[in-house]
Every structure is written in C-alpha cells, then in structure tokens.
Amino acid sequence: MSGSADTREVDEAIRAGERALDSLREAKAKLNSARNWGIYDILGGGVISSVVKHSKMSSANEWVAQANRDLKRFAKELRDVDEDGLYVQAGSLASTLDIFFDNVFSDFIVQNRINEARAEIDRMIDRIERTVWDLKNRYGR
C-alpha cells in the first residue's frame, strides 16, 4: 500500500466496491427466487414454473454482467490507490435451459448450478466486503 493514495482515489475505490456489492446482492436475490421456483419445478410445477425460473435466472445473469463491469471498475480503482495486496476478478454466471428437456434430472442439474452460482456470489461478496472494510479502516473512512 502506498501512503500517497489521495482521498478522492480512496473514496472512488470504496464507492466502486459498494456498487459491485449492490449488483452481486441483486444477482443473489434473483438466484434465490430462481432456486425457490426450481424447487417448485422439481415438485411438478410444470412449464410455467420452468419459464418463471428461467426468467429469474436471466435476470440474475443481467445483474452478474453488471457486477462484472462493477468489479472491473473496482479493480481499476484499487490499482489507483496502489493496493497491491488486494485483488478482485470478474467471473461469469452460466445459465442452463431445461424448458425443452423438462424432467426431474435436468431440473436437479439446473438447481445444482443455481446453488453453485449462489455460493460463488457469496464468496465474492465476502471478499469485496472485506476489501472495502479494509480500505475504510486503512484510510479512516
């Protein structure tokens, strides 16, 4: 860490981290909804539950895309404050469609992928929260 990081750069890094957190939390909320619809789908919810589930997954993907943009901005802002020890990497969330192969096996696979994506988002949220907390504490924010 460089002692030369100015107030504006630190504030920009904190705001960029908080924007990334907001996007990730929105993606997680959509995945939570998709998970709930997925459970209903597994229990025999039919085509409508599959359509709603995939709509929620699509919305989650949009939020993940936004989070990826926010994470790139956060990484740039961290470099601006010369935080060598802090690193964030943008990933992506893949969506698997099962509407045309709507059976219990494909529903379980999609449900598993939703849970994996939620876990990955949780890990990223934790890492960014710690990074933003560290910035605030190091620079007295």
C-alpha atoms as a PDB file:
ATOM      1  CA  MET A   1       0.000   0.000   0.000  1.00  0.00           C
ATOM      2  CA  SER A   2       1.250   3.426  -0.867  1.00  0.00           C
ATOM      3  CA  GLY A   3       0.896   6.305   1.524  1.00  0.00           C
ATOM      4  CA  SER A   4       0.329   8.586  -1.455  1.00  0.00           C
ATOM      5  CA  ALA A   5      -3.234   7.498  -2.165  1.00  0.00           C
ATOM      6  CA  ASP A   6      -5.325  10.638  -2.125  1.00  0.00           C
ATOM      7  CA  THR A   7      -8.740  10.992  -0.577  1.00  0.00           C
ATOM      8  CA  ARG A   8     -10.553  11.141  -3.913  1.00  0.00           C
ATOM      9  CA  GLU A   9      -8.991   7.887  -5.152  1.00  0.00           C
ATOM     10  CA  VAL A  10      -9.803   6.067  -1.918  1.00  0.00           C
ATOM     11  CA  ASP A  11     -13.395   7.311  -1.977  1.00  0.00           C
ATOM     12  CA  GLU A  12     -13.748   6.226  -5.618  1.00  0.00           C
ATOM     13  CA  ALA A  13     -12.443   2.758  -4.747  1.00  0.00           C
ATOM     14  CA  ILE A  14     -14.871   2.441  -1.839  1.00  0.00           C
ATOM     15  CA  ARG A  15     -17.814   3.574  -3.988  1.00  0.00           C
ATOM     16  CA  ALA A  16     -16.818   1.166  -6.780  1.00  0.00           C
ATOM     17  CA  GLY A  17     -16.660  -1.693  -4.280  1.00  0.00           C
ATOM     18  CA  GLU A  18     -20.053  -0.780  -2.864  1.00  0.00           C
ATOM     19  CA  ARG A  19     -21.568  -0.671  -6.382  1.00  0.00           C
ATOM     20  CA  ALA A  20     -20.169  -4.144  -7.070  1.00  0.00           C
ATOM     21  CA  LEU A  21     -21.659  -5.370  -3.797  1.00  0.00           C
ATOM     22  CA  ASP A  22     -25.065  -3.945  -4.719  1.00  0.00           C
ATOM     23  CA  SER A  23     -25.006  -5.712  -8.092  1.00  0.00           C
ATOM     24  CA  LEU A  24     -23.901  -9.006  -6.561  1.00  0.00           C
ATOM     25  CA  ARG A  25     -26.616  -8.802  -3.913  1.00  0.00           C
ATOM     26  CA  GLU A  26     -29.242  -8.194  -6.610  1.00  0.00           C
ATOM     27  CA  ALA A  27     -27.933 -11.200  -8.558  1.00  0.00           C
ATOM     28  CA  LYS A  28     -28.112 -13.312  -5.416  1.00  0.00           C
ATOM     29  CA  ALA A  29     -31.699 -12.202  -4.744  1.00  0.00           C
ATOM     30  CA  LYS A  30     -32.696 -13.245  -8.265  1.00  0.00           C
ATOM     31  CA  LEU A  31     -30.916 -16.589  -7.811  1.00  0.00           C
ATOM     32  CA  ASN A  32     -32.727 -17.115  -4.515  1.00  0.00           C
ATOM     33  CA  SER A  33     -36.007 -16.610  -6.337  1.00  0.00           C
ATOM     34  CA  ALA A  34     -34.898 -18.936  -9.159  1.00  0.00           C
ATOM     35  CA  ARG A  35     -33.946 -21.531  -6.552  1.00  0.00           C
ATOM     36  CA  ASN A  36     -37.396 -21.335  -4.981  1.00  0.00           C
ATOM     37  CA  TRP A  37     -39.078 -21.680  -8.362  1.00  0.00           C
ATOM     38  CA  GLY A  38     -36.682 -24.532  -9.135  1.00  0.00           C
ATOM     39  CA  ILE A  39     -37.831 -26.424  -6.072  1.00  0.00           C
ATOM     40  CA  TYR A  40     -41.422 -25.947  -7.170  1.00  0.00           C
ATOM     41  CA  ASP A  41     -40.425 -27.100 -10.666  1.00  0.00           C
ATOM     42  CA  ILE A  42     -38.846 -30.279  -9.276  1.00  0.00           C
ATOM     43  CA  LEU A  43     -42.009 -30.977  -7.317  1.00  0.00           C
ATOM     44  CA  GLY A  44     -44.011 -30.922 -10.534  1.00  0.00           C
ATOM     45  CA  GLY A  45     -44.634 -27.246 -11.170  1.00  0.00           C
ATOM     46  CA  GLY A  46     -44.649 -27.778 -14.924  1.00  0.00           C
ATOM     47  CA  VAL A  47     -43.841 -25.492 -17.815  1.00  0.00           C
ATOM     48  CA  ILE A  48     -44.929 -22.265 -16.118  1.00  0.00           C
ATOM     49  CA  SER A  49     -42.586 -22.808 -13.172  1.00  0.00           C
ATOM     50  CA  SER A  50     -39.745 -23.547 -15.633  1.00  0.00           C
ATOM     51  CA  VAL A  51     -40.453 -20.335 -17.531  1.00  0.00           C
ATOM     52  CA  VAL A  52     -40.543 -18.241 -14.339  1.00  0.00           C
ATOM     53  CA  LYS A  53     -37.388 -19.945 -13.012  1.00  0.00           C
ATOM     54  CA  HIS A  54     -35.504 -19.187 -16.229  1.00  0.00           C
ATOM     55  CA  SER A  55     -36.766 -15.628 -16.215  1.00  0.00           C
ATOM     56  CA  LYS A  56     -35.286 -15.222 -12.731  1.00  0.00           C
ATOM     57  CA  MET A  57     -32.049 -16.866 -13.914  1.00  0.00           C
ATOM     58  CA  SER A  58     -31.907 -14.494 -16.883  1.00  0.00           C
ATOM     59  CA  SER A  59     -32.392 -11.529 -14.574  1.00  0.00           C
ATOM     60  CA  ALA A  60     -29.631 -12.881 -12.321  1.00  0.00           C
ATOM     61  CA  ASN A  61     -27.353 -13.133 -15.366  1.00  0.00           C
ATOM     62  CA  GLU A  62     -28.041  -9.486 -16.178  1.00  0.00           C
ATOM     63  CA  TRP A  63     -27.087  -8.499 -12.633  1.00  0.00           C
ATOM     64  CA  VAL A  64     -23.961 -10.677 -12.814  1.00  0.00           C
ATOM     65  CA  ALA A  65     -22.985  -8.916 -16.050  1.00  0.00           C
ATOM     66  CA  GLN A  66     -23.424  -5.597 -14.247  1.00  0.00           C
ATOM     67  CA  ALA A  67     -21.410  -6.921 -11.300  1.00  0.00           C
ATOM     68  CA  ASN A  68     -18.624  -7.944 -13.697  1.00  0.00           C
ATOM     69  CA  ARG A  69     -18.489  -4.380 -15.040  1.00  0.00           C
ATOM     70  CA  ASP A  70     -18.533  -3.040 -11.473  1.00  0.00           C
ATOM     71  CA  LEU A  71     -15.769  -5.447 -10.423  1.00  0.00           C
ATOM     72  CA  LYS A  72     -13.558  -4.317 -13.298  1.00  0.00           C
ATOM     73  CA  ARG A  73     -14.071  -0.731 -12.188  1.00  0.00           C
ATOM     74  CA  PHE A  74     -13.332  -1.714  -8.576  1.00  0.00           C
ATOM     75  CA  ALA A  75     -10.098  -3.443  -9.638  1.00  0.00           C
ATOM     76  CA  LYS A  76      -9.059  -0.305 -11.547  1.00  0.00           C
ATOM     77  CA  GLU A  77      -9.835   1.917  -8.565  1.00  0.00           C
ATOM     78  CA  LEU A  78      -7.842  -0.392  -6.275  1.00  0.00           C
ATOM     79  CA  ARG A  79      -4.854  -0.012  -8.590  1.00  0.00           C
ATOM     80  CA  ASP A  80      -5.314   3.774  -8.411  1.00  0.00           C
ATOM     81  CA  VAL A  81      -4.862   3.658  -4.626  1.00  0.00           C
ATOM     82  CA  ASP A  82      -1.911   1.322  -5.133  1.00  0.00           C
ATOM     83  CA  GLU A  83      -3.447  -1.540  -3.160  1.00  0.00           C
ATOM     84  CA  ASP A  84      -1.151  -4.280  -4.431  1.00  0.00           C
ATOM     85  CA  GLY A  85      -2.351  -6.829  -1.902  1.00  0.00           C
ATOM     86  CA  LEU A  86      -5.997  -6.561  -2.885  1.00  0.00           C
ATOM     87  CA  TYR A  87      -7.294  -8.299  -5.982  1.00  0.00           C
ATOM     88  CA  VAL A  88     -10.709  -8.917  -7.408  1.00  0.00           C
ATOM     89  CA  GLN A  89     -11.533 -10.888 -10.519  1.00  0.00           C
ATOM     90  CA  ALA A  90     -14.703 -10.730 -12.537  1.00  0.00           C
ATOM     91  CA  GLY A  91     -16.304 -14.039 -13.410  1.00  0.00           C
ATOM     92  CA  SER A  92     -19.422 -15.054 -15.228  1.00  0.00           C
ATOM     93  CA  LEU A  93     -22.583 -16.928 -14.460  1.00  0.00           C
ATOM     94  CA  ALA A  94     -23.739 -19.507 -16.982  1.00  0.00           C
ATOM     95  CA  SER A  95     -27.390 -20.320 -17.464  1.00  0.00           C
ATOM     96  CA  THR A  96     -28.608 -23.764 -18.472  1.00  0.00           C
ATOM     97  CA  LEU A  97     -32.022 -24.100 -20.030  1.00  0.00           C
ATOM     98  CA  ASP A  98     -34.161 -27.093 -19.210  1.00  0.00           C
ATOM     99  CA  ILE A  99     -37.516 -25.996 -20.592  1.00  0.00           C
ATOM    100  CA  PHE A 100     -37.283 -28.339 -23.576  1.00  0.00           C
ATOM    101  CA  PHE A 101     -35.950 -31.217 -21.505  1.00  0.00           C
ATOM    102  CA  ASP A 102     -38.190 -30.631 -18.549  1.00  0.00           C
ATOM    103  CA  ASN A 103     -37.685 -33.640 -16.362  1.00  0.00           C
ATOM    104  CA  VAL A 104     -36.575 -34.259 -12.825  1.00  0.00           C
ATOM    105  CA  PHE A 105     -32.947 -34.959 -13.815  1.00  0.00           C
ATOM    106  CA  SER A 106     -32.440 -31.734 -15.747  1.00  0.00           C
ATOM    107  CA  ASP A 107     -34.278 -29.830 -13.005  1.00  0.00           C
ATOM    108  CA  PHE A 108     -31.826 -31.184 -10.418  1.00  0.00           C
ATOM    109  CA  ILE A 109     -28.867 -30.186 -12.607  1.00  0.00           C
ATOM    110  CA  VAL A 110     -30.177 -26.637 -13.001  1.00  0.00           C
ATOM    111  CA  GLN A 111     -30.925 -26.453  -9.275  1.00  0.00           C
ATOM    112  CA  ASN A 112     -27.353 -27.517  -8.537  1.00  0.00           C
ATOM    113  CA  ARG A 113     -25.984 -24.838 -10.861  1.00  0.00           C
ATOM    114  CA  ILE A 114     -28.143 -22.207  -9.202  1.00  0.00           C
ATOM    115  CA  ASN A 115     -26.755 -23.250  -5.808  1.00  0.00           C
ATOM    116  CA  GLU A 116     -23.175 -23.200  -7.136  1.00  0.00           C
ATOM    117  CA  ALA A 117     -23.691 -19.705  -8.548  1.00  0.00           C
ATOM    118  CA  ARG A 118     -25.145 -18.524  -5.233  1.00  0.00           C
ATOM    119  CA  ALA A 119     -22.117 -19.904  -3.380  1.00  0.00           C
ATOM    120  CA  GLU A 120     -19.730 -18.170  -5.788  1.00  0.00           C
ATOM    121  CA  ILE A 121     -21.569 -14.879  -5.358  1.00  0.00           C
ATOM    122  CA  ASP A 122     -21.430 -15.305  -1.564  1.00  0.00           C
ATOM    123  CA  ARG A 123     -17.653 -15.790  -1.760  1.00  0.00           C
ATOM    124  CA  MET A 124     -17.257 -12.708  -3.947  1.00  0.00           C
ATOM    125  CA  ILE A 125     -19.483 -10.613  -1.667  1.00  0.00           C
ATOM    126  CA  ASP A 126     -17.411 -11.670   1.341  1.00  0.00           C
ATOM    127  CA  ARG A 127     -14.156 -10.800  -0.399  1.00  0.00           C
ATOM    128  CA  ILE A 128     -15.359  -7.384  -1.552  1.00  0.00           C
ATOM    129  CA  GLU A 129     -16.881  -6.565   1.848  1.00  0.00           C
ATOM    130  CA  ARG A 130     -13.529  -7.340   3.471  1.00  0.00           C
ATOM    131  CA  THR A 131     -11.681  -5.244   0.882  1.00  0.00           C
ATOM    132  CA  VAL A 132     -13.996  -2.242   1.302  1.00  0.00           C
ATOM    133  CA  TRP A 133     -13.802  -2.599   5.095  1.00  0.00           C
ATOM    134  CA  ASP A 134     -10.000  -2.685   4.848  1.00  0.00           C
ATOM    135  CA  LEU A 135      -9.949   0.453   2.681  1.00  0.00           C
ATOM    136  CA  LYS A 136     -12.219   2.304   5.085  1.00  0.00           C
ATOM    137  CA  ASN A 137     -10.109   1.342   8.083  1.00  0.00           C
ATOM    138  CA  ARG A 138      -6.729   1.993   6.474  1.00  0.00           C
ATOM    139  CA  TYR A 139      -7.762   5.425   5.283  1.00  0.00           C
ATOM    140  CA  GLY A 140     -10.031   6.456   8.152  1.00  0.00           C
ATOM    141  CA  ARG A 141     -13.326   6.436   6.281  1.00  0.00           C
END
